[in-house]
Amino acid sequence: MTVRAWAELLRVSALFTVPGDALAGAAALGRRPNRSTALAVGASLCLYEAGMALNDWADRDEDAVDRPHRPIPSGRITPRAALVAAGALTAAGLALAARAGRPALTVATGLAATVWAYDLRLKHTPAGPAAMAAARGLDLLLGATATATAAHSTRATGPATTASARAALPAALPAAALLTAHTYAVTAVSRHEAQGGSTTAPLAALGAVVALGGVAVRERRGEADAALPAGGGGTAPPGSRAGGGAPANARARTGASAPARLLLTALTGAYLRTAARPLVHAALNPSPPLTQRAVGSGIRAMIPLQAALAARSGASGTALAVMGLVPLARSLARKVSPT
């Protein structure tokens, strides 16, 4: 019972939506995932779970009325234990980020601050959805920063490494913006999941989901000749040398873009199927169960979105690896709700 209570508190079924943030960030830079990417994934998982524990601690009085079955109001986990867990997980996340380099620690610190500010102060204010969305965007940038730092650390140290990581961030900003927009839409719907009754929020989220799918495909088509799928799911930056020494953009024009477009189309379709249908149902009948289902599907839809972002950057292997998390998330969601 204790294990299940902690699984519910930490919403472990939603954990599978986290690794794709860092992997999509690495792909946006045209880099293969490396050791620092793995450290960023670990940091992200810890900070995400810290946010889950802190969320229930902060909402314990509200949950006693609206969700008495949750672990804290039901008495299965004490408020003190949840708060201690949130602090310990935050410390662990920052420690892992520090091992990935100072730039990664800087981003992780901003991410941790955003998580704590959201749970303790901003959640029930108009700034709540923006804060949650910013956290997801920062999570992707954490992966990009850590990956870039490792890629340059063998050639530069100190200020040069930091400058290289900062210079790499603009390449990851478009992907971070798309993930941020999706998170904002889902969070706006989640504000009504306990009481239901909102048709506007699901309809607005549905419009956002459709628009994001269209933007992802359109941007990738515009970049197809510049992207290079590399072995293992990596990409080479424009103008760099890959494989037999040919420039990346030249190799991309030899036919690699067509399969990449096909994969991206399939992944975008999976994203739309996962997120859109439950939002339609919630808009037609904004009851708490259907609204909660729409929120859960919106959370799971982050996985195909992350995969689509990786595929858009030419990282087909990374995209497929991220999509491999979908059946795991779906299976665990039947046992532990992600919301």
Protein backbone atom coordinates (compact mmCIF):
# COMPACT_ATOMS: atom_id res chain seq x y z
CA MET A 1 0.00 0.00 0.00
CA THR A 2 2.87 2.39 0.80
CA VAL A 3 4.50 1.78 -2.59
CA ARG A 4 1.23 2.43 -4.36
CA ALA A 5 0.64 5.57 -2.31
CA TRP A 6 4.02 6.99 -3.34
CA ALA A 7 3.37 5.99 -6.94
CA GLU A 8 0.13 7.96 -6.83
CA LEU A 9 1.73 10.94 -5.10
CA LEU A 10 4.57 11.09 -7.62
CA ARG A 11 2.29 10.25 -10.58
CA VAL A 12 4.85 7.80 -11.89
CA SER A 13 2.85 7.10 -15.06
CA ALA A 14 3.64 10.65 -16.20
CA LEU A 15 7.39 10.08 -15.77
CA PHE A 16 7.66 8.70 -19.29
CA THR A 17 6.82 12.14 -20.65
CA VAL A 18 10.03 13.58 -19.18
CA PRO A 19 13.06 11.96 -20.95
CA GLY A 20 11.89 13.20 -24.35
CA ASP A 21 12.43 16.81 -23.27
CA ALA A 22 16.20 16.43 -22.98
CA LEU A 23 16.41 14.16 -26.02
CA ALA A 24 14.49 16.65 -28.16
CA GLY A 25 16.80 19.38 -26.88
CA ALA A 26 19.86 17.41 -27.94
CA ALA A 27 18.32 16.70 -31.34
CA ALA A 28 17.57 20.38 -31.87
CA LEU A 29 21.32 21.05 -31.70
CA GLY A 30 22.13 18.37 -34.25
CA ARG A 31 23.87 16.28 -31.56
CA ARG A 32 23.65 12.68 -30.54
CA PRO A 33 22.64 12.12 -26.91
CA ASN A 34 25.73 11.82 -24.72
CA ARG A 35 26.61 11.31 -21.07
CA SER A 36 25.58 14.83 -20.17
CA THR A 37 22.25 14.32 -21.92
CA ALA A 38 21.69 11.32 -19.66
CA LEU A 39 22.54 13.46 -16.62
CA ALA A 40 20.02 16.05 -17.83
CA VAL A 41 17.38 13.32 -18.13
CA GLY A 42 18.11 12.24 -14.55
CA ALA A 43 17.93 15.81 -13.31
CA SER A 44 14.64 16.34 -15.16
CA LEU A 45 13.11 13.22 -13.65
CA CYS A 46 14.08 14.28 -10.13
CA LEU A 47 12.80 17.83 -10.54
CA TYR A 48 9.57 16.60 -12.11
CA GLU A 49 8.92 14.26 -9.23
CA ALA A 50 9.82 17.00 -6.76
CA GLY A 51 7.09 19.07 -8.37
CA MET A 52 4.58 16.24 -8.03
CA ALA A 53 5.29 15.78 -4.32
CA LEU A 54 5.26 19.51 -3.66
CA ASN A 55 2.02 19.89 -5.62
CA ASP A 56 0.15 17.49 -3.35
CA TRP A 57 1.69 19.02 -0.24
CA ALA A 58 0.54 22.49 -1.30
CA ASP A 59 -2.93 21.24 -2.29
CA ARG A 60 -3.52 19.02 0.73
CA ASP A 61 -6.40 21.13 2.10
CA GLU A 62 -8.06 21.50 -1.27
CA ASP A 63 -7.64 17.79 -2.01
CA ALA A 64 -9.28 16.94 1.31
CA VAL A 65 -12.48 18.36 -0.20
CA ASP A 66 -12.20 17.61 -3.92
CA ARG A 67 -9.96 14.52 -3.92
CA PRO A 68 -10.06 12.83 -0.52
CA HIS A 69 -8.66 9.65 -2.09
CA ARG A 70 -5.27 11.30 -2.80
CA PRO A 71 -2.37 9.95 -0.68
CA ILE A 72 -2.05 12.89 1.71
CA PRO A 73 -5.73 13.58 2.60
CA SER A 74 -6.37 9.84 2.83
CA GLY A 75 -3.61 9.58 5.44
CA ARG A 76 -1.42 7.15 3.49
CA ILE A 77 1.42 9.69 3.27
CA THR A 78 2.05 12.46 5.79
CA PRO A 79 2.43 16.07 4.63
CA ARG A 80 5.90 16.19 6.20
CA ALA A 81 7.05 13.14 4.23
CA ALA A 82 5.81 14.68 0.98
CA LEU A 83 7.62 17.96 1.68
CA VAL A 84 10.85 16.20 2.62
CA ALA A 85 10.63 14.16 -0.58
CA ALA A 86 10.16 17.33 -2.63
CA GLY A 87 13.25 18.88 -1.07
CA ALA A 88 15.39 15.77 -1.46
CA LEU A 89 14.37 15.25 -5.09
CA THR A 90 15.13 18.90 -5.87
CA ALA A 91 18.58 18.58 -4.35
CA ALA A 92 19.22 15.37 -6.30
CA GLY A 93 18.12 17.00 -9.54
CA LEU A 94 20.42 19.97 -9.06
CA ALA A 95 23.32 17.67 -8.15
CA LEU A 96 22.88 15.69 -11.37
CA ALA A 97 22.66 18.89 -13.40
CA ALA A 98 25.86 20.16 -11.76
CA ARG A 99 27.69 17.06 -13.00
CA ALA A 100 26.63 18.02 -16.53
CA GLY A 101 28.35 21.39 -16.21
CA ARG A 102 27.79 24.88 -14.88
CA PRO A 103 25.53 26.00 -17.78
CA ALA A 104 23.26 23.00 -17.18
CA LEU A 105 23.15 23.76 -13.46
CA THR A 106 22.13 27.34 -14.23
CA VAL A 107 19.19 26.18 -16.35
CA ALA A 108 18.25 23.51 -13.80
CA THR A 109 18.24 26.09 -11.02
CA GLY A 110 15.83 28.22 -13.03
CA LEU A 111 13.70 25.14 -13.66
CA ALA A 112 13.63 24.21 -9.97
CA ALA A 113 12.72 27.77 -9.00
CA THR A 114 9.88 27.75 -11.53
CA VAL A 115 8.56 24.44 -10.21
CA TRP A 116 8.54 25.62 -6.60
CA ALA A 117 7.05 29.00 -7.51
CA TYR A 118 4.27 27.30 -9.46
CA ASP A 119 3.32 24.87 -6.71
CA LEU A 120 3.58 27.29 -3.80
CA ARG A 121 2.39 30.57 -5.27
CA LEU A 122 1.41 30.71 -8.93
CA LYS A 123 -0.75 27.64 -9.53
CA HIS A 124 -4.08 29.27 -8.67
CA THR A 125 -3.26 32.61 -10.27
CA PRO A 126 -3.57 33.71 -13.92
CA ALA A 127 0.19 33.13 -14.20
CA GLY A 128 -0.17 29.43 -13.38
CA PRO A 129 -0.36 27.98 -16.91
CA ALA A 130 2.52 30.20 -18.06
CA ALA A 131 4.71 29.03 -15.18
CA MET A 132 4.01 25.38 -15.87
CA ALA A 133 4.64 25.91 -19.58
CA ALA A 134 7.91 27.69 -18.84
CA ALA A 135 9.04 24.71 -16.76
CA ARG A 136 8.62 22.35 -19.73
CA GLY A 137 10.43 24.71 -22.04
CA LEU A 138 13.30 25.02 -19.56
CA ASP A 139 13.43 21.23 -19.30
CA LEU A 140 14.08 20.95 -23.04
CA LEU A 141 16.69 23.71 -22.84
CA LEU A 142 18.34 21.83 -19.97
CA GLY A 143 18.90 18.89 -22.27
CA ALA A 144 20.23 21.14 -25.03
CA THR A 145 22.57 22.99 -22.69
CA ALA A 146 23.96 19.84 -21.10
CA THR A 147 24.50 18.21 -24.49
CA ALA A 148 26.24 21.27 -25.92
CA THR A 149 28.49 21.60 -22.89
CA ALA A 150 29.68 18.00 -23.23
CA ALA A 151 30.19 18.39 -26.97
CA HIS A 152 32.55 21.32 -26.45
CA SER A 153 34.22 20.30 -23.18
CA THR A 154 36.91 18.25 -24.92
CA ARG A 155 37.99 21.28 -26.96
CA ALA A 156 37.39 24.15 -24.57
CA THR A 157 37.12 24.79 -20.86
CA GLY A 158 35.82 27.43 -18.51
CA PRO A 159 34.35 30.54 -20.14
CA ALA A 160 34.72 29.06 -23.64
CA THR A 161 32.56 26.06 -22.74
CA THR A 162 29.94 28.30 -21.17
CA ALA A 163 29.88 30.53 -24.25
CA SER A 164 29.47 27.48 -26.50
CA ALA A 165 26.50 26.27 -24.46
CA ARG A 166 24.87 29.68 -24.59
CA ALA A 167 25.44 29.95 -28.32
CA ALA A 168 23.71 26.60 -28.84
CA LEU A 169 20.50 27.61 -27.08
CA PRO A 170 18.95 29.58 -29.97
CA ALA A 171 18.86 26.39 -32.02
CA ALA A 172 16.70 24.74 -29.35
CA LEU A 173 14.32 27.66 -28.83
CA PRO A 174 11.81 26.74 -31.60
CA ALA A 175 11.37 23.23 -30.19
CA ALA A 176 11.11 24.63 -26.65
CA ALA A 177 8.46 27.10 -27.83
CA LEU A 178 6.28 24.35 -29.31
CA LEU A 179 6.51 22.21 -26.18
CA THR A 180 5.81 25.28 -24.04
CA ALA A 181 2.68 26.13 -26.03
CA HIS A 182 1.33 22.58 -25.72
CA THR A 183 1.95 22.57 -21.97
CA TYR A 184 0.20 25.90 -21.55
CA ALA A 185 -2.90 24.59 -23.34
CA VAL A 186 -3.06 21.38 -21.27
CA THR A 187 -2.47 23.24 -18.01
CA ALA A 188 -5.29 25.65 -18.80
CA VAL A 189 -7.63 22.66 -19.15
CA SER A 190 -6.32 21.07 -15.95
CA ARG A 191 -7.51 24.03 -13.90
CA HIS A 192 -11.07 22.74 -14.46
CA GLU A 193 -10.51 18.99 -13.99
CA ALA A 194 -11.82 18.82 -10.42
CA GLN A 195 -15.02 20.78 -11.04
CA GLY A 196 -15.51 20.49 -14.81
CA GLY A 197 -17.93 22.87 -16.48
CA SER A 198 -15.58 24.62 -18.91
CA THR A 199 -16.12 24.29 -22.65
CA THR A 200 -13.86 27.19 -23.57
CA ALA A 201 -10.63 25.69 -22.19
CA PRO A 202 -10.88 22.36 -24.09
CA LEU A 203 -11.85 24.16 -27.31
CA ALA A 204 -8.92 26.57 -26.96
CA ALA A 205 -6.56 23.67 -26.25
CA LEU A 206 -7.92 21.78 -29.26
CA GLY A 207 -7.18 24.76 -31.49
CA ALA A 208 -3.69 25.00 -30.04
CA VAL A 209 -3.00 21.31 -30.59
CA VAL A 210 -4.08 21.47 -34.24
CA ALA A 211 -2.03 24.61 -34.80
CA LEU A 212 1.06 23.10 -33.17
CA GLY A 213 0.84 20.02 -35.34
CA GLY A 214 0.64 22.20 -38.44
CA VAL A 215 3.57 24.36 -37.35
CA ALA A 216 5.79 21.37 -36.61
CA VAL A 217 5.24 19.86 -40.05
CA ARG A 218 5.56 23.15 -41.89
CA GLU A 219 8.82 24.11 -40.15
CA ARG A 220 10.38 20.72 -40.78
CA ARG A 221 9.53 20.88 -44.48
CA GLY A 222 11.24 24.21 -44.68
CA GLU A 223 14.38 22.75 -43.07
CA ALA A 224 14.43 19.39 -44.79
CA ASP A 225 17.44 20.12 -46.98
CA ALA A 226 19.45 21.29 -44.00
CA ALA A 227 18.81 18.32 -41.74
CA LEU A 228 20.85 15.14 -41.76
CA PRO A 229 19.71 11.94 -40.08
CA ALA A 230 22.82 10.37 -38.66
CA GLY A 231 23.50 6.93 -37.31
CA GLY A 232 22.03 6.37 -33.90
CA GLY A 233 19.50 9.15 -34.30
CA GLY A 234 21.91 12.08 -34.29
CA THR A 235 22.23 14.94 -36.74
CA ALA A 236 25.09 17.00 -37.97
CA PRO A 237 24.97 20.76 -37.78
CA PRO A 238 24.79 22.67 -41.07
CA GLY A 239 28.15 22.92 -42.73
CA SER A 240 29.76 20.24 -40.57
CA ARG A 241 31.34 17.06 -41.88
CA ALA A 242 29.56 13.74 -41.50
CA GLY A 243 30.06 10.20 -42.65
CA GLY A 244 32.45 10.17 -45.60
CA GLY A 245 33.27 13.83 -45.25
CA ALA A 246 30.41 15.29 -47.31
CA PRO A 247 28.75 18.42 -45.97
CA ALA A 248 25.59 17.67 -44.04
CA ASN A 249 23.30 19.69 -46.29
CA ALA A 250 24.67 18.00 -49.41
CA ARG A 251 23.99 14.53 -48.05
CA ALA A 252 20.52 15.56 -46.95
CA ARG A 253 19.62 16.36 -50.57
CA THR A 254 20.45 12.82 -51.71
CA GLY A 255 17.13 11.46 -50.49
CA ALA A 256 17.24 11.40 -46.71
CA SER A 257 14.59 14.13 -46.40
CA ALA A 258 11.72 12.05 -47.83
CA PRO A 259 11.80 9.32 -45.13
CA ALA A 260 12.29 12.02 -42.51
CA ARG A 261 9.15 13.80 -43.72
CA LEU A 262 7.20 10.55 -43.68
CA LEU A 263 8.30 9.79 -40.13
CA LEU A 264 7.51 13.32 -39.01
CA THR A 265 4.04 13.12 -40.55
CA ALA A 266 3.35 9.85 -38.73
CA LEU A 267 4.58 11.21 -35.41
CA THR A 268 2.58 14.40 -35.78
CA GLY A 269 -0.48 12.30 -36.54
CA ALA A 270 0.12 10.30 -33.37
CA TYR A 271 0.37 13.55 -31.42
CA LEU A 272 -2.91 14.83 -32.84
CA ARG A 273 -4.72 11.54 -32.26
CA THR A 274 -3.57 11.35 -28.66
CA ALA A 275 -4.43 14.92 -27.70
CA ALA A 276 -7.32 16.02 -29.93
CA ARG A 277 -10.07 13.43 -29.48
CA PRO A 278 -10.31 13.65 -25.67
CA LEU A 279 -10.40 17.44 -25.96
CA VAL A 280 -13.36 17.19 -28.32
CA HIS A 281 -15.16 14.95 -25.83
CA ALA A 282 -14.38 17.33 -22.97
CA ALA A 283 -15.67 20.29 -24.97
CA LEU A 284 -18.92 18.51 -25.80
CA ASN A 285 -19.39 17.27 -22.22
CA PRO A 286 -17.21 19.21 -19.76
CA SER A 287 -17.73 16.81 -16.88
CA PRO A 288 -14.87 16.22 -14.41
CA PRO A 289 -14.15 12.66 -15.68
CA LEU A 290 -13.91 13.73 -19.34
CA THR A 291 -11.92 16.82 -18.46
CA GLN A 292 -9.50 14.71 -16.44
CA ARG A 293 -9.23 12.28 -19.34
CA ALA A 294 -8.41 15.15 -21.68
CA VAL A 295 -5.69 16.36 -19.32
CA GLY A 296 -4.20 12.88 -18.99
CA SER A 297 -4.18 12.45 -22.77
CA GLY A 298 -2.63 15.87 -23.15
CA ILE A 299 0.17 14.86 -20.82
CA ARG A 300 0.78 11.61 -22.71
CA ALA A 301 0.67 13.50 -26.01
CA MET A 302 3.92 15.17 -25.02
CA ILE A 303 5.72 11.96 -25.96
CA PRO A 304 4.77 11.93 -29.66
CA LEU A 305 5.28 15.70 -29.72
CA GLN A 306 8.81 15.29 -28.38
CA ALA A 307 9.39 12.54 -30.93
CA ALA A 308 8.11 14.80 -33.70
CA LEU A 309 10.45 17.57 -32.57
CA ALA A 310 13.38 15.16 -32.72
CA ALA A 311 12.32 13.90 -36.15
CA ARG A 312 11.99 17.47 -37.41
CA SER A 313 15.66 17.94 -36.53
CA GLY A 314 16.58 14.80 -38.48
CA ALA A 315 17.17 12.61 -35.39
CA SER A 316 15.08 9.67 -36.54
CA GLY A 317 16.65 7.20 -34.14
CA THR A 318 16.02 9.47 -31.18
CA ALA A 319 12.44 10.03 -32.33
CA LEU A 320 11.74 6.31 -32.49
CA ALA A 321 13.37 5.76 -29.09
CA VAL A 322 11.14 8.42 -27.54
CA MET A 323 8.05 6.85 -29.12
CA GLY A 324 9.04 3.57 -27.49
CA LEU A 325 7.97 5.15 -24.19
CA VAL A 326 4.33 5.41 -25.33
CA PRO A 327 3.23 1.82 -24.54
CA LEU A 328 4.96 2.02 -21.16
CA ALA A 329 3.17 5.25 -20.29
CA ARG A 330 -0.17 3.90 -21.50
CA SER A 331 0.21 0.67 -19.55
CA LEU A 332 1.17 2.36 -16.29
CA ALA A 333 -1.55 5.02 -16.69
CA ARG A 334 -4.13 2.22 -16.34
CA LYS A 335 -2.81 1.60 -12.83
CA VAL A 336 -1.78 5.08 -11.69
CA SER A 337 -3.46 8.24 -12.98
CA PRO A 338 -1.08 10.83 -14.45
CA THR A 339 -3.25 13.68 -13.12
